[in-house]
C-alpha cells in the first residue's frame, strides 16, 4: 500500500473534481507551490496510484441509448475467455467491459443509436460465442450518478457530494465533427494540454477552449476526473445489487449511503436490481458491516443482496470511438 499524506489526498480530490485545473489552481487550494503539485502528481503517476485522467461525457445527449449485458460463462478455457473479452473491447461502441467476481462473470455496457443496432451486434456475438454463455441478461441502462471522492479527505464532506447525473431523459444536443474529435481526445486523456489538443484537431487553442466550454454548457461534458488505483490506498470498490421488498424506501437508502461518504457511483437500469451502488470501503468486512447498518435502519425492506468485486476493467470509455 502506498504512503500518501493528506496533501497527496487533497491533490487527488481536486484532480477528481476537475483534472483540467492547472497546478497553480490546485496548489492554491491545497497550500502548495505549483512545482510541488507537479512533482507530487508525477510521483503518483509513476507509482501507479494515478492510472489515467478521463472525461465523464453524457453520450445520451448525442442521441445514444445504452444496453447492458450480464454474462455467465461455461465450458471456457483461458484462451476462449480472452477472445470473448477482446471481442467486446474491440467493439467501438463499448462503454465498459469488466470481469466480475460475483453473480456474473462479465459486465458489458454498449452505446447504440437504436434497438436494431444493438440486436445486430449481439446477434453476431451469439453466432460466435453462444456455446460459452451459460446464461445472459440484458437490461436498459438509464442513469449514472457520479459522486465526489470524499473518502480521500480526513474529514469527508457529507453534503453536496453529487457531481453529475448522466441520464437518458430524451434531450439531445447537436455537435459537429470538431466537437466530436475534441470529445474523442478528452475521453482518453482529460488532462491533455489545450495547445496539444488544438494541434491534434487542427484549430487554435482559443477555438478548442471555446468549444470545450460550450460542450460543458450544453451538458455533454459533465466532469474531468482522475482514475485511481484504490488498492494502493488500502481501499476497494464493490458493486452491490439491492433487491427491495419496499420500493418506496429506495430514496431513503440511497440518501443513507450518500451520507456515509463512500458512494462512488449509483447505476440505474431497467431490468435488474432496485438499487445499484458502487461503494468504496477498505474490505468486504466493512461492506457487510455497512449493509448490516442498512438492514438495522430499514428492517424488512431489503429482499436480497448480491455483492460484486470488480476483478478487472478491460475497457471504460465514455464515448463511442471515432
Protein backbone atom coordinates (compact mmCIF):
# COMPACT_ATOMS: atom_id res chain seq x y z
CA UNK A 1 0.00 0.00 0.00
CA UNK A 2 1.34 3.43 -0.96
CA UNK A 3 2.03 6.01 1.71
CA UNK A 4 0.10 9.17 0.90
CA UNK A 5 -0.07 12.17 3.17
CA UNK A 6 -3.08 14.48 3.41
CA UNK A 7 -1.62 16.84 0.77
CA UNK A 8 -1.46 14.00 -1.75
CA UNK A 9 -5.03 13.02 -0.96
CA UNK A 10 -6.20 16.60 -1.35
CA UNK A 11 -4.45 16.80 -4.72
CA UNK A 12 -6.22 13.61 -5.82
CA UNK A 13 -9.51 15.03 -4.58
CA UNK A 14 -9.02 18.26 -6.55
CA UNK A 15 -7.97 16.33 -9.66
CA UNK A 16 -11.17 14.33 -9.43
CA UNK A 17 -13.28 17.48 -9.13
CA UNK A 18 -11.60 18.87 -12.25
CA UNK A 19 -8.37 17.37 -13.54
CA UNK A 20 -8.04 20.17 -16.10
CA UNK A 21 -7.27 22.59 -13.29
CA UNK A 22 -3.77 24.00 -13.53
CA UNK A 23 -1.15 23.03 -10.97
CA UNK A 24 -1.27 26.64 -9.77
CA UNK A 25 -5.02 26.42 -9.14
CA UNK A 26 -4.65 23.10 -7.30
CA UNK A 27 -1.71 24.47 -5.31
CA UNK A 28 -3.75 27.42 -4.01
CA UNK A 29 -6.44 25.04 -2.78
CA UNK A 30 -4.13 22.55 -1.07
CA UNK A 31 -1.46 25.00 0.17
CA UNK A 32 1.46 24.02 -2.08
CA UNK A 33 3.51 25.68 -4.82
CA UNK A 34 2.74 24.65 -8.38
CA UNK A 35 6.12 22.90 -8.83
CA UNK A 36 5.46 20.79 -5.76
CA UNK A 37 1.99 19.90 -7.04
CA UNK A 38 3.51 18.89 -10.41
CA UNK A 39 6.12 16.75 -8.65
CA UNK A 40 3.55 15.00 -6.47
CA UNK A 41 1.23 14.30 -9.41
CA UNK A 42 4.13 12.86 -11.44
CA UNK A 43 5.20 10.73 -8.48
CA UNK A 44 1.69 9.33 -8.03
CA UNK A 45 1.56 8.55 -11.76
CA UNK A 46 4.94 6.78 -11.63
CA UNK A 47 3.79 4.74 -8.62
CA UNK A 48 0.60 3.71 -10.41
CA UNK A 49 -1.69 5.47 -7.94
CA UNK A 50 -2.97 7.71 -10.72
CA UNK A 51 -3.90 5.44 -13.62
CA UNK A 52 -5.27 8.00 -16.06
CA UNK A 53 -7.45 11.07 -16.47
CA UNK A 54 -10.87 10.67 -18.05
CA UNK A 55 -13.90 12.69 -19.05
CA UNK A 56 -17.47 11.99 -17.95
CA UNK A 57 -19.41 12.52 -21.19
CA UNK A 58 -23.19 12.43 -21.33
CA UNK A 59 -23.39 10.48 -24.57
CA UNK A 60 -27.15 10.19 -24.12
CA UNK A 61 -27.22 13.83 -25.28
CA UNK A 62 -25.57 12.75 -28.53
CA UNK A 63 -28.53 10.51 -29.33
CA UNK A 64 -27.25 7.21 -27.95
CA UNK A 65 -29.04 4.60 -25.84
CA UNK A 66 -27.32 2.12 -23.55
CA UNK A 67 -27.75 -1.63 -23.23
CA UNK A 68 -26.07 -3.69 -20.56
CA UNK A 69 -25.22 -7.38 -20.94
CA UNK A 70 -24.52 -9.62 -17.93
CA UNK A 71 -22.95 -12.95 -18.89
CA UNK A 72 -22.15 -16.16 -17.05
CA UNK A 73 -19.63 -18.42 -18.78
CA UNK A 74 -19.37 -22.16 -19.00
CA UNK A 75 -17.02 -24.52 -20.86
CA UNK A 76 -14.47 -21.75 -21.36
CA UNK A 77 -10.72 -22.01 -21.13
CA UNK A 78 -8.44 -19.02 -20.71
CA UNK A 79 -7.90 -18.63 -24.45
CA UNK A 80 -11.62 -18.57 -25.27
CA UNK A 81 -12.40 -16.26 -22.37
CA UNK A 82 -9.74 -13.79 -23.50
CA UNK A 83 -11.04 -13.99 -27.07
CA UNK A 84 -14.57 -13.13 -25.90
CA UNK A 85 -13.29 -10.23 -23.79
CA UNK A 86 -11.33 -8.95 -26.78
CA UNK A 87 -14.44 -9.23 -28.94
CA UNK A 88 -16.29 -6.88 -26.61
CA UNK A 89 -13.41 -4.45 -26.05
CA UNK A 90 -12.86 -4.18 -29.82
CA UNK A 91 -16.45 -3.05 -30.33
CA UNK A 92 -16.12 0.70 -30.91
CA UNK A 93 -19.40 1.39 -29.09
CA UNK A 94 -18.41 -0.45 -25.89
CA UNK A 95 -18.64 1.84 -22.87
CA UNK A 96 -17.38 -0.69 -20.32
CA UNK A 97 -16.13 -4.28 -20.27
CA UNK A 98 -15.47 -5.61 -16.76
CA UNK A 99 -14.61 -9.04 -15.40
CA UNK A 100 -16.52 -9.66 -12.18
CA UNK A 101 -16.32 -11.90 -9.15
CA UNK A 102 -19.92 -12.29 -8.07
CA UNK A 103 -23.28 -13.33 -9.53
CA UNK A 104 -21.99 -12.87 -13.11
CA UNK A 105 -18.66 -13.31 -14.88
CA UNK A 106 -18.54 -10.31 -17.21
CA UNK A 107 -20.36 -7.00 -17.46
CA UNK A 108 -20.58 -5.38 -20.91
CA UNK A 109 -22.13 -1.94 -21.49
CA UNK A 110 -22.62 -0.62 -25.03
CA UNK A 111 -23.83 2.59 -26.68
CA UNK A 112 -26.18 2.22 -29.66
CA UNK A 113 -28.25 4.62 -31.76
CA UNK A 114 -31.27 2.30 -31.83
CA UNK A 115 -32.55 -1.11 -30.78
CA UNK A 116 -31.71 -2.74 -34.10
CA UNK A 117 -28.06 -1.67 -33.83
CA UNK A 118 -27.86 -3.50 -30.51
CA UNK A 119 -29.69 -6.53 -31.89
CA UNK A 120 -27.31 -6.72 -34.84
CA UNK A 121 -24.23 -6.56 -32.59
CA UNK A 122 -25.45 -9.12 -30.08
CA UNK A 123 -26.84 -11.44 -32.75
CA UNK A 124 -23.37 -11.65 -34.29
CA UNK A 125 -21.90 -12.15 -30.82
CA UNK A 126 -24.20 -15.10 -30.15
CA UNK A 127 -23.38 -16.68 -33.51
CA UNK A 128 -19.73 -16.86 -32.43
CA UNK A 129 -19.89 -17.43 -28.67
CA UNK A 130 -23.32 -18.63 -27.54
CA UNK A 131 -21.96 -22.10 -26.70
CA UNK A 132 -19.81 -20.48 -23.99
CA UNK A 133 -22.65 -18.49 -22.39
CA UNK A 134 -24.38 -20.41 -19.63
CA UNK A 135 -26.85 -17.54 -19.40
CA UNK A 136 -27.07 -13.85 -20.12
CA UNK A 137 -29.32 -10.99 -19.06
CA UNK A 138 -29.92 -7.78 -20.98
CA UNK A 139 -31.05 -4.58 -19.28
CA UNK A 140 -31.55 -0.98 -20.39
CA UNK A 141 -29.21 1.45 -18.69
CA UNK A 142 -31.00 4.63 -17.63
CA UNK A 143 -28.70 6.75 -15.48
CA UNK A 144 -25.26 7.06 -13.90
CA UNK A 145 -24.88 9.37 -10.89
CA UNK A 146 -21.29 10.35 -10.08
CA UNK A 147 -20.16 11.35 -6.60
CA UNK A 148 -17.15 13.20 -5.20
CA UNK A 149 -14.35 11.06 -3.75
CA UNK A 150 -14.94 12.33 -0.23
CA UNK A 151 -13.26 9.27 1.25
CA UNK A 152 -9.89 10.77 0.24
CA UNK A 153 -10.20 13.50 2.86
CA UNK A 154 -9.62 13.27 6.61
CA UNK A 155 -12.96 14.98 7.20
CA UNK A 156 -15.20 13.78 4.37
CA UNK A 157 -17.71 16.26 3.02
CA UNK A 158 -21.12 14.70 3.64
CA UNK A 159 -23.08 17.38 1.81
CA UNK A 160 -23.41 18.21 -1.90
CA UNK A 161 -21.45 15.10 -2.85
CA UNK A 162 -23.29 14.53 -6.11
CA UNK A 163 -21.22 15.72 -9.09
CA UNK A 164 -23.44 14.93 -12.06
CA UNK A 165 -26.23 12.77 -13.44
CA UNK A 166 -25.78 11.11 -16.83
CA UNK A 167 -29.36 10.36 -17.79
CA UNK A 168 -31.35 9.37 -20.86
CA UNK A 169 -34.08 11.98 -20.49
CA UNK A 170 -34.64 12.31 -24.23
CA UNK A 171 -32.86 15.65 -24.63
CA UNK A 172 -30.16 15.83 -27.31
CA UNK A 173 -27.59 18.36 -28.44
CA UNK A 174 -26.20 18.87 -31.94
CA UNK A 175 -22.44 18.81 -32.26
CA UNK A 176 -20.17 18.84 -35.29
CA UNK A 177 -17.12 16.77 -36.26
CA UNK A 178 -14.69 19.12 -34.48
CA UNK A 179 -16.67 18.84 -31.24
CA UNK A 180 -16.70 15.05 -31.53
CA UNK A 181 -12.96 14.98 -32.22
CA UNK A 182 -12.37 17.05 -29.08
CA UNK A 183 -14.53 14.66 -27.08
CA UNK A 184 -12.71 11.69 -28.58
CA UNK A 185 -9.36 13.06 -27.36
CA UNK A 186 -10.61 14.10 -23.92
CA UNK A 187 -12.31 10.73 -23.41
CA UNK A 188 -8.92 9.03 -23.15
CA UNK A 189 -6.90 11.88 -21.61
CA UNK A 190 -8.91 14.60 -19.92
CA UNK A 191 -5.75 16.46 -18.89
CA UNK A 192 -4.42 16.94 -22.44
CA UNK A 193 -2.95 20.48 -22.61
CA UNK A 194 -5.02 22.91 -24.64
CA UNK A 195 -2.22 23.63 -27.14
CA UNK A 196 -1.62 19.91 -27.74
CA UNK A 197 -5.36 19.31 -28.12
CA UNK A 198 -5.66 22.16 -30.63
CA UNK A 199 -2.78 20.76 -32.71
CA UNK A 200 -4.42 17.32 -32.84
CA UNK A 201 -7.74 18.63 -34.08
CA UNK A 202 -6.29 21.35 -36.34
CA UNK A 203 -7.62 24.53 -34.78
CA UNK A 204 -6.45 27.33 -32.49
CA UNK A 205 -6.24 26.86 -28.73
CA UNK A 206 -8.82 29.65 -28.36
CA UNK A 207 -11.24 27.72 -30.58
CA UNK A 208 -10.64 24.48 -28.69
CA UNK A 209 -11.16 26.24 -25.34
CA UNK A 210 -14.39 27.87 -26.57
CA UNK A 211 -15.75 24.57 -27.83
CA UNK A 212 -14.91 22.76 -24.58
CA UNK A 213 -16.73 25.44 -22.58
CA UNK A 214 -19.69 25.17 -24.95
CA UNK A 215 -19.81 21.38 -24.55
CA UNK A 216 -19.81 21.86 -20.77
CA UNK A 217 -22.60 24.44 -21.06
CA UNK A 218 -24.66 22.02 -23.16
CA UNK A 219 -24.21 19.31 -20.54
CA UNK A 220 -22.33 17.00 -22.92
CA UNK A 221 -19.15 17.24 -20.83
CA UNK A 222 -20.03 16.69 -17.19
CA UNK A 223 -16.69 16.36 -15.43
CA UNK A 224 -12.95 15.88 -15.87
CA UNK A 225 -11.89 13.16 -13.44
CA UNK A 226 -8.98 11.02 -12.28
CA UNK A 227 -8.84 7.22 -12.23
CA UNK A 228 -7.13 5.98 -9.06
CA UNK A 229 -5.78 2.52 -8.22
CA UNK A 230 -7.68 2.21 -4.95
CA UNK A 231 -5.77 -0.88 -3.88
CA UNK A 232 -2.69 1.29 -3.40
CA UNK A 233 -4.68 3.37 -0.92
CA UNK A 234 -5.89 0.34 1.03
CA UNK A 235 -9.36 0.65 -0.46
CA UNK A 236 -11.55 -1.43 -2.71
CA UNK A 237 -14.60 -0.73 -4.87
CA UNK A 238 -17.60 -3.03 -4.69
CA UNK A 239 -20.90 -3.03 -6.53
CA UNK A 240 -23.95 -4.14 -4.58
CA UNK A 241 -27.25 -5.16 -6.12
CA UNK A 242 -30.04 -4.38 -3.66
CA UNK A 243 -33.42 -6.00 -4.31
CA UNK A 244 -36.17 -4.40 -2.24
CA UNK A 245 -39.35 -5.58 -0.58
CA UNK A 246 -40.47 -1.98 -0.11
CA UNK A 247 -39.58 0.07 -3.16
CA UNK A 248 -40.81 3.29 -1.51
CA UNK A 249 -37.72 3.15 0.76
CA UNK A 250 -35.35 3.32 -2.22
CA UNK A 251 -34.58 7.04 -1.96
CA UNK A 252 -34.03 6.80 1.80
CA UNK A 253 -31.48 4.01 1.40
CA UNK A 254 -29.64 5.96 -1.33
CA UNK A 255 -29.51 9.02 0.95
CA UNK A 256 -28.17 6.86 3.80
CA UNK A 257 -25.34 5.60 1.57
CA UNK A 258 -24.63 9.12 0.31
CA UNK A 259 -24.37 10.44 3.88
CA UNK A 260 -21.77 7.77 4.65
CA UNK A 261 -19.41 9.38 2.09
CA UNK A 262 -18.46 6.07 0.46
CA UNK A 263 -20.73 6.17 -2.57
CA UNK A 264 -18.70 6.35 -5.78
CA UNK A 265 -21.44 5.86 -8.35
CA UNK A 266 -25.11 4.99 -8.50
CA UNK A 267 -26.25 2.95 -11.50
CA UNK A 268 -29.89 2.97 -12.57
CA UNK A 269 -31.21 0.39 -15.03
CA UNK A 270 -34.47 -1.21 -16.05
CA UNK A 271 -34.43 -4.99 -15.84
CA UNK A 272 -32.16 -5.75 -12.89
CA UNK A 273 -31.99 -4.76 -9.21
CA UNK A 274 -33.70 -1.83 -7.47
CA UNK A 275 -30.55 -0.05 -6.23
CA UNK A 276 -27.07 -0.49 -7.77
CA UNK A 277 -24.48 1.47 -5.79
CA UNK A 278 -20.73 1.29 -6.30
CA UNK A 279 -19.18 1.65 -2.85
CA UNK A 280 -15.59 2.32 -1.76
CA UNK A 281 -14.55 0.79 1.58
CA UNK A 282 -11.48 -0.95 2.99
CA UNK A 283 -12.63 -4.55 2.53
CA UNK A 284 -15.56 -6.94 2.30
CA UNK A 285 -16.00 -6.97 6.10
CA UNK A 286 -16.57 -3.21 6.04
CA UNK A 287 -19.05 -3.59 3.21
CA UNK A 288 -21.04 -6.26 5.05
CA UNK A 289 -20.98 -4.07 8.16
CA UNK A 290 -22.43 -1.20 6.09
CA UNK A 291 -25.18 -3.44 4.70
CA UNK A 292 -25.98 -4.60 8.25
CA UNK A 293 -26.41 -0.95 9.23
CA UNK A 294 -28.89 -0.51 6.38
CA UNK A 295 -30.82 -3.61 7.46
CA UNK A 296 -30.91 -2.30 11.02
CA UNK A 297 -32.10 1.17 9.97
CA UNK A 298 -34.57 -0.18 7.38
CA UNK A 299 -35.79 -3.51 8.81
CA UNK A 300 -37.59 -5.91 6.46
CA UNK A 301 -37.07 -3.57 3.50
CA UNK A 302 -34.35 -5.49 1.63
CA UNK A 303 -35.31 -8.73 -0.05
CA UNK A 304 -31.86 -9.78 -1.28
CA UNK A 305 -28.29 -8.54 -1.67
CA UNK A 306 -25.69 -9.55 -4.24
CA UNK A 307 -22.06 -8.48 -3.94
CA UNK A 308 -19.68 -7.80 -6.83
CA UNK A 309 -15.93 -7.39 -6.88
CA UNK A 310 -14.65 -5.61 -9.97
CA UNK A 311 -11.87 -8.07 -10.80
CA UNK A 312 -10.54 -6.31 -13.91
CA UNK A 313 -11.65 -3.37 -16.00
CA UNK A 314 -10.77 -4.22 -19.61
CA UNK A 315 -12.30 -1.08 -21.08
CA UNK A 316 -14.02 2.06 -19.86
CA UNK A 317 -14.56 4.83 -22.34
CA UNK A 318 -17.41 7.31 -22.07
CA UNK A 319 -17.77 7.85 -25.82
CA UNK A 320 -18.06 5.57 -28.86
CA UNK A 321 -14.72 5.53 -30.64
CA UNK A 322 -14.31 7.89 -33.57
